[in-house]
Amino acid sequence: MVAALTADTAEDFDTTIPARKLLDISKALPEGASINLAIADNKVSLTSGRSRFTLASLPASDFPGLDEIDAQHSFGVPRKRFKNLFEKTGFAMAQQDVRYYLNGILMEISSDCLRLVATDGHRLAMSEVAMDTGIGEERQVIIPRKAVLELSRLLDGSEEEARIVLSPNHLRVELGSLVFTTKLIDGKFPDYQRVIPLDGNRMLEVERDVLKQSMSRISILSNEKYRGIRLVLSPGNLSIQANNPDQEEAEEELPVSYDEADMEIGFNVTYLIDVLNVLESDKVKIKLKDANSSCVINDSEDESSLYVVMPMRL
């Protein structure tokens, strides 16, 4: 990562400073405080008002060089939209999975669409934004988990442009004076289109906040390890049930829009709540087929994001 700012200096110089210590010192100083830096004998002196710190330093020549990338494609996207894509998909990334290509997010770019997809093998999150990327041939890259988390933090909610630059092995995101570069995961992301059920014929529609709050309450008595809950559907009604090895039970009923046949299905409640946390409309749609098939969840008013959650046996 490269960041730049203006500074008043009598001569050019370069050095290295322990980043975490410099950050902690800067945070601890009064707001608006001026910082002065001086270098001598592999030491950096930092003064601000009556405070003085001396930090160890290494020659700038020892600092790893930044990779020059062979830029093949570039396009701009509003920072707010780019950040929103990460927020709506990042929770579904795998963590330390042996299938290393799942420990990140797939970014798929076509001429008129930017799409992010994440999956850990039990659930899938997909979100897209329609835009002119200027890229003729569709391109897929996998952004590592650490880079996803860092970009989510760096991107703000403004309409300013984030410039995305792609090379065969790198992704670069230019945010004004800040430039973030990451290596891409060298692997083949699974064909996510194959795991999106297309034959779900039972549609459930319910108030999003009501459903989330109900699931949060019922989950208190779910199995702490497997986090399973049971959804029991009948026309106009949803019963959410949970129990645990201590023979404790919880049940809550909700009025819903559902006019299909009765059915029961189990899910990991954490996966469902994670989806409900990122949806934004008042109502949520859940498409089901049977007790052994994954469900599809999306906003009732916005189909730019889609979520798939596998069922579990209880």
Protein backbone atom coordinates (compact mmCIF):
# COMPACT_ATOMS: atom_id res chain seq x y z
CA MET A 1 0.00 0.00 0.00
CA VAL A 2 1.20 3.51 -0.84
CA ALA A 3 -0.16 6.69 0.73
CA ALA A 4 1.04 10.27 0.25
CA LEU A 5 0.51 13.61 1.96
CA THR A 6 2.12 17.02 1.85
CA ALA A 7 4.82 17.89 4.37
CA ASP A 8 7.10 20.85 5.10
CA THR A 9 10.70 19.63 4.83
CA ALA A 10 14.03 21.34 4.14
CA GLU A 11 15.40 18.38 2.17
CA ASP A 12 14.26 15.06 0.75
CA PHE A 13 14.93 11.94 2.79
CA ASP A 14 13.62 8.42 3.24
CA THR A 15 13.56 6.01 6.17
CA THR A 16 11.42 3.34 7.80
CA ILE A 17 9.31 3.64 10.96
CA PRO A 18 7.46 0.94 12.95
CA ALA A 19 3.96 1.44 11.54
CA ARG A 20 1.89 0.27 14.51
CA LYS A 21 3.86 2.37 17.02
CA LEU A 22 3.61 5.44 14.79
CA LEU A 23 -0.14 4.92 14.46
CA ASP A 24 -0.62 4.46 18.20
CA ILE A 25 1.40 7.61 18.97
CA SER A 26 -0.55 9.63 16.40
CA LYS A 27 -3.88 8.48 17.86
CA ALA A 28 -2.76 9.38 21.39
CA LEU A 29 -1.77 12.95 20.49
CA PRO A 30 -4.32 15.78 20.79
CA GLU A 31 -6.53 16.32 17.76
CA GLY A 32 -4.90 18.64 15.22
CA ALA A 33 -1.45 18.29 16.79
CA SER A 34 1.53 18.93 14.53
CA ILE A 35 4.17 16.18 14.24
CA ASN A 36 7.85 16.81 13.53
CA LEU A 37 10.22 14.05 12.40
CA ALA A 38 14.03 14.03 12.44
CA ILE A 39 16.44 11.22 11.50
CA ALA A 40 19.88 10.49 12.97
CA ASP A 41 21.91 7.30 13.54
CA ASN A 42 19.17 4.87 12.50
CA LYS A 43 16.75 6.55 14.91
CA VAL A 44 13.67 8.62 14.16
CA SER A 45 12.82 11.38 16.62
CA LEU A 46 9.16 12.34 16.70
CA THR A 47 8.18 15.52 18.55
CA SER A 48 4.80 17.11 19.04
CA GLY A 49 4.34 19.93 21.52
CA ARG A 50 6.03 18.78 24.74
CA SER A 51 6.00 15.10 23.72
CA ARG A 52 9.10 13.42 22.32
CA PHE A 53 9.53 9.86 21.06
CA THR A 54 12.55 8.04 19.66
CA LEU A 55 11.84 5.08 17.39
CA ALA A 56 14.17 2.48 15.93
CA SER A 57 14.63 2.66 12.17
CA LEU A 58 16.07 0.65 9.31
CA PRO A 59 17.57 1.90 6.03
CA ALA A 60 14.91 2.60 3.44
CA SER A 61 16.94 0.53 0.99
CA ASP A 62 16.09 -2.57 3.05
CA PHE A 63 12.35 -2.03 2.57
CA PRO A 64 10.80 -4.50 0.08
CA GLY A 65 10.25 -2.96 -3.32
CA LEU A 66 6.72 -2.58 -4.63
CA ASP A 67 5.87 -4.85 -7.52
CA GLU A 68 5.36 -3.16 -10.84
CA ILE A 69 2.23 -4.57 -12.39
CA ASP A 70 1.52 -5.20 -16.05
CA ALA A 71 -1.80 -3.36 -16.24
CA GLN A 72 -4.16 -5.02 -18.72
CA HIS A 73 -7.54 -3.55 -17.75
CA SER A 74 -8.69 -0.57 -15.72
CA PHE A 75 -12.02 1.04 -14.95
CA GLY A 76 -13.58 3.31 -12.37
CA VAL A 77 -16.38 2.61 -9.89
CA PRO A 78 -17.88 4.85 -7.19
CA ARG A 79 -16.29 4.00 -3.85
CA LYS A 80 -19.70 3.67 -2.18
CA ARG A 81 -20.82 1.01 -4.66
CA PHE A 82 -17.56 -0.91 -4.44
CA LYS A 83 -17.66 -0.90 -0.64
CA ASN A 84 -21.30 -2.02 -0.69
CA LEU A 85 -20.41 -5.04 -2.85
CA PHE A 86 -17.80 -6.15 -0.31
CA GLU A 87 -20.18 -5.64 2.61
CA LYS A 88 -22.89 -7.71 0.97
CA THR A 89 -20.65 -10.67 0.15
CA GLY A 90 -17.58 -10.68 2.42
CA PHE A 91 -19.24 -12.50 5.33
CA ALA A 92 -19.59 -15.66 3.23
CA MET A 93 -15.84 -16.07 2.55
CA ALA A 94 -14.15 -19.19 3.89
CA GLN A 95 -11.53 -18.93 6.62
CA GLN A 96 -8.37 -21.04 6.33
CA ASP A 97 -10.11 -23.59 4.12
CA VAL A 98 -7.84 -26.17 2.47
CA ARG A 99 -9.61 -25.17 -0.72
CA TYR A 100 -7.50 -22.02 -0.85
CA TYR A 101 -9.51 -20.50 -3.70
CA LEU A 102 -12.48 -20.13 -1.31
CA ASN A 103 -10.45 -17.94 1.09
CA GLY A 104 -11.34 -14.82 -0.84
CA ILE A 105 -13.89 -13.23 -3.12
CA LEU A 106 -14.42 -13.83 -6.82
CA MET A 107 -14.58 -10.58 -8.78
CA GLU A 108 -16.22 -11.07 -12.16
CA ILE A 109 -16.05 -8.22 -14.65
CA SER A 110 -17.98 -8.05 -17.90
CA SER A 111 -18.59 -5.14 -20.24
CA ASP A 112 -21.71 -4.01 -18.36
CA CYS A 113 -21.48 -5.54 -14.88
CA LEU A 114 -19.23 -5.83 -11.83
CA ARG A 115 -20.08 -8.85 -9.66
CA LEU A 116 -18.62 -10.23 -6.42
CA VAL A 117 -19.21 -13.82 -5.24
CA ALA A 118 -18.15 -15.51 -1.99
CA THR A 119 -18.78 -19.00 -0.65
CA ASP A 120 -17.49 -21.24 2.13
CA GLY A 121 -19.13 -24.37 0.74
CA HIS A 122 -22.21 -24.08 2.99
CA ARG A 123 -23.56 -20.76 1.77
CA LEU A 124 -23.06 -18.38 -1.13
CA ALA A 125 -23.37 -14.61 -1.44
CA MET A 126 -23.52 -12.79 -4.77
CA SER A 127 -23.96 -9.08 -5.41
CA GLU A 128 -23.58 -7.06 -8.57
CA VAL A 129 -23.85 -3.56 -9.95
CA ALA A 130 -24.68 -2.66 -13.53
CA MET A 131 -22.04 -0.35 -14.98
CA ASP A 132 -19.94 0.27 -18.06
CA THR A 133 -16.52 -1.20 -17.35
CA GLY A 134 -15.16 -0.84 -20.88
CA ILE A 135 -13.86 -4.43 -20.71
CA GLY A 136 -14.70 -6.44 -23.80
CA GLU A 137 -13.87 -9.95 -22.64
CA GLU A 138 -15.25 -11.27 -19.33
CA ARG A 139 -12.58 -11.56 -16.62
CA GLN A 140 -12.56 -13.43 -13.30
CA VAL A 141 -10.06 -12.86 -10.47
CA ILE A 142 -9.98 -14.03 -6.84
CA ILE A 143 -9.14 -11.36 -4.24
CA PRO A 144 -7.53 -12.77 -1.04
CA ARG A 145 -9.44 -12.53 2.24
CA LYS A 146 -6.95 -10.15 3.87
CA ALA A 147 -7.17 -7.79 0.91
CA VAL A 148 -10.97 -7.89 1.01
CA LEU A 149 -11.00 -6.93 4.71
CA GLU A 150 -8.49 -4.12 4.13
CA LEU A 151 -10.36 -2.72 1.13
CA SER A 152 -13.63 -2.78 3.07
CA ARG A 153 -11.93 -0.60 5.66
CA LEU A 154 -10.24 1.78 3.22
CA LEU A 155 -13.24 2.45 0.98
CA ASP A 156 -15.54 5.23 2.16
CA GLY A 157 -19.16 5.94 1.36
CA SER A 158 -18.48 8.74 -1.12
CA GLU A 159 -19.32 8.95 -4.80
CA GLU A 160 -15.66 9.61 -5.62
CA GLU A 161 -14.12 7.17 -8.06
CA ALA A 162 -12.04 4.17 -7.09
CA ARG A 163 -9.80 3.24 -10.00
CA ILE A 164 -9.42 -0.53 -10.40
CA VAL A 165 -6.38 -1.79 -12.31
CA LEU A 166 -5.96 -5.46 -13.22
CA SER A 167 -2.87 -7.39 -14.25
CA PRO A 168 -2.47 -11.15 -14.68
CA ASN A 169 -1.44 -11.58 -11.03
CA HIS A 170 -2.34 -8.35 -9.22
CA LEU A 171 -5.21 -6.06 -8.38
CA ARG A 172 -4.55 -2.39 -7.74
CA VAL A 173 -7.12 0.03 -6.32
CA GLU A 174 -6.30 3.73 -6.59
CA LEU A 175 -8.07 5.99 -4.08
CA GLY A 176 -6.64 9.42 -4.81
CA SER A 177 -3.28 9.64 -3.02
CA LEU A 178 -3.75 6.11 -1.61
CA VAL A 179 -2.82 3.13 -3.78
CA PHE A 180 -3.58 -0.41 -2.60
CA THR A 181 -2.03 -3.38 -4.40
CA THR A 182 -2.58 -7.08 -3.71
CA LYS A 183 -1.58 -10.34 -5.31
CA LEU A 184 -4.47 -12.41 -6.61
CA ILE A 185 -5.19 -16.00 -5.62
CA ASP A 186 -3.99 -18.33 -8.35
CA GLY A 187 -6.79 -20.86 -8.57
CA LYS A 188 -10.07 -21.82 -10.20
CA PHE A 189 -13.19 -20.58 -8.43
CA PRO A 190 -16.06 -23.09 -8.52
CA ASP A 191 -18.86 -22.63 -11.05
CA TYR A 192 -21.15 -20.79 -8.65
CA GLN A 193 -24.03 -20.69 -11.13
CA ARG A 194 -24.43 -24.46 -10.74
CA VAL A 195 -25.22 -24.22 -7.02
CA ILE A 196 -27.94 -21.57 -7.36
CA PRO A 197 -31.27 -23.47 -7.27
CA LEU A 198 -33.53 -22.56 -10.16
CA ASP A 199 -36.42 -24.92 -9.39
CA GLY A 200 -37.61 -23.61 -6.02
CA ASN A 201 -41.41 -23.45 -6.26
CA ARG A 202 -42.36 -22.39 -2.72
CA MET A 203 -42.10 -18.68 -2.02
CA LEU A 204 -42.08 -17.23 1.48
CA GLU A 205 -42.20 -13.46 2.08
CA VAL A 206 -41.81 -11.96 5.55
CA GLU A 207 -40.83 -8.73 7.32
CA ARG A 208 -37.02 -8.72 7.48
CA ASP A 209 -36.57 -7.12 10.91
CA VAL A 210 -39.30 -9.26 12.49
CA LEU A 211 -37.72 -12.42 11.13
CA LYS A 212 -34.21 -11.41 12.24
CA GLN A 213 -35.31 -10.55 15.76
CA SER A 214 -37.29 -13.76 16.08
CA MET A 215 -34.35 -15.88 14.89
CA SER A 216 -32.00 -14.07 17.27
CA ARG A 217 -34.27 -14.95 20.22
CA ILE A 218 -34.79 -18.58 19.19
CA SER A 219 -31.07 -19.08 18.54
CA ILE A 220 -30.36 -18.59 22.26
CA LEU A 221 -31.50 -22.16 22.89
CA SER A 222 -30.03 -23.71 19.74
CA ASN A 223 -27.17 -26.19 19.90
CA GLU A 224 -24.10 -24.04 20.60
CA LYS A 225 -21.94 -26.10 18.23
CA TYR A 226 -24.23 -26.68 15.24
CA ARG A 227 -26.55 -23.67 15.64
CA GLY A 228 -29.45 -25.48 14.03
CA ILE A 229 -33.05 -24.22 13.94
CA ARG A 230 -36.15 -25.72 12.33
CA LEU A 231 -38.54 -23.77 10.12
CA VAL A 232 -42.05 -25.24 10.02
CA LEU A 233 -44.19 -23.73 7.29
CA SER A 234 -47.92 -23.83 6.75
CA PRO A 235 -50.18 -21.45 4.81
CA GLY A 236 -49.84 -18.00 6.35
CA ASN A 237 -47.64 -19.15 9.23
CA LEU A 238 -43.97 -19.77 10.05
CA SER A 239 -42.92 -21.56 13.23
CA ILE A 240 -39.24 -21.20 14.21
CA GLN A 241 -38.04 -23.88 16.61
CA ALA A 242 -34.81 -24.79 18.39
CA ASN A 243 -33.61 -27.22 21.03
CA ASN A 244 -30.30 -28.27 22.57
CA PRO A 245 -28.66 -31.24 24.33
CA ASP A 246 -29.90 -29.88 27.70
CA GLN A 247 -33.45 -30.61 26.50
CA GLU A 248 -34.28 -26.91 26.40
CA GLU A 249 -36.65 -25.71 23.70
CA ALA A 250 -37.74 -22.48 22.05
CA GLU A 251 -40.51 -21.75 19.56
CA GLU A 252 -41.96 -18.62 17.99
CA GLU A 253 -44.63 -18.19 15.33
CA LEU A 254 -44.81 -15.44 12.72
CA PRO A 255 -47.48 -14.45 10.21
CA VAL A 256 -46.00 -14.73 6.72
CA SER A 257 -46.99 -14.63 3.10
CA TYR A 258 -46.95 -18.31 2.17
CA ASP A 259 -49.66 -20.34 0.46
CA GLU A 260 -47.91 -23.58 -0.48
CA ALA A 261 -47.99 -27.04 1.12
CA ASP A 262 -46.74 -27.64 4.67
CA MET A 263 -43.02 -28.34 5.02
CA GLU A 264 -40.16 -28.47 7.54
CA ILE A 265 -36.54 -27.58 6.92
CA GLY A 266 -33.46 -27.01 9.11
CA PHE A 267 -30.78 -24.33 8.78
CA ASN A 268 -27.75 -22.98 10.60
CA VAL A 269 -29.33 -19.89 12.16
CA THR A 270 -26.07 -17.91 12.01
CA TYR A 271 -26.01 -18.22 8.22
CA LEU A 272 -29.58 -16.89 7.97
CA ILE A 273 -28.97 -13.98 10.34
CA ASP A 274 -25.79 -13.03 8.44
CA VAL A 275 -27.90 -12.65 5.29
CA LEU A 276 -30.65 -10.70 7.04
CA ASN A 277 -28.02 -8.30 8.41
CA VAL A 278 -26.94 -7.18 4.94
CA LEU A 279 -30.33 -7.01 3.26
CA GLU A 280 -31.87 -3.54 3.22
CA SER A 281 -35.53 -3.66 2.16
CA ASP A 282 -38.41 -4.06 4.60
CA LYS A 283 -39.32 -7.52 3.35
CA VAL A 284 -37.29 -10.56 2.42
CA LYS A 285 -38.11 -13.34 -0.04
CA ILE A 286 -37.08 -16.94 0.61
CA LYS A 287 -37.48 -19.46 -2.19
CA LEU A 288 -37.65 -23.14 -1.18
CA LYS A 289 -38.07 -26.48 -2.87
CA ASP A 290 -37.97 -29.22 -0.22
CA ALA A 291 -36.25 -30.15 3.05
CA ASN A 292 -33.11 -31.37 1.26
CA SER A 293 -32.54 -28.44 -1.09
CA SER A 294 -30.82 -25.10 -0.57
CA CYS A 295 -32.91 -21.96 -0.23
CA VAL A 296 -32.48 -18.71 -2.16
CA ILE A 297 -32.83 -15.42 -0.28
CA ASN A 298 -33.02 -11.87 -1.61
CA ASP A 299 -34.58 -8.48 -1.01
CA SER A 300 -38.19 -8.19 -2.09
CA GLU A 301 -37.35 -4.87 -3.80
CA ASP A 302 -33.78 -5.39 -5.00
CA GLU A 303 -32.58 -8.40 -6.95
CA SER A 304 -28.99 -7.20 -7.39
CA SER A 305 -27.94 -9.44 -4.48
CA LEU A 306 -28.69 -13.13 -4.02
CA TYR A 307 -27.91 -15.58 -1.22
CA VAL A 308 -27.94 -19.36 -1.13
CA VAL A 309 -27.96 -21.30 2.16
CA MET A 310 -27.70 -25.09 2.37
CA PRO A 311 -30.11 -26.91 4.71
CA MET A 312 -28.98 -29.05 7.63
CA ARG A 313 -30.43 -32.16 9.18
CA LEU A 314 -31.69 -31.81 12.74
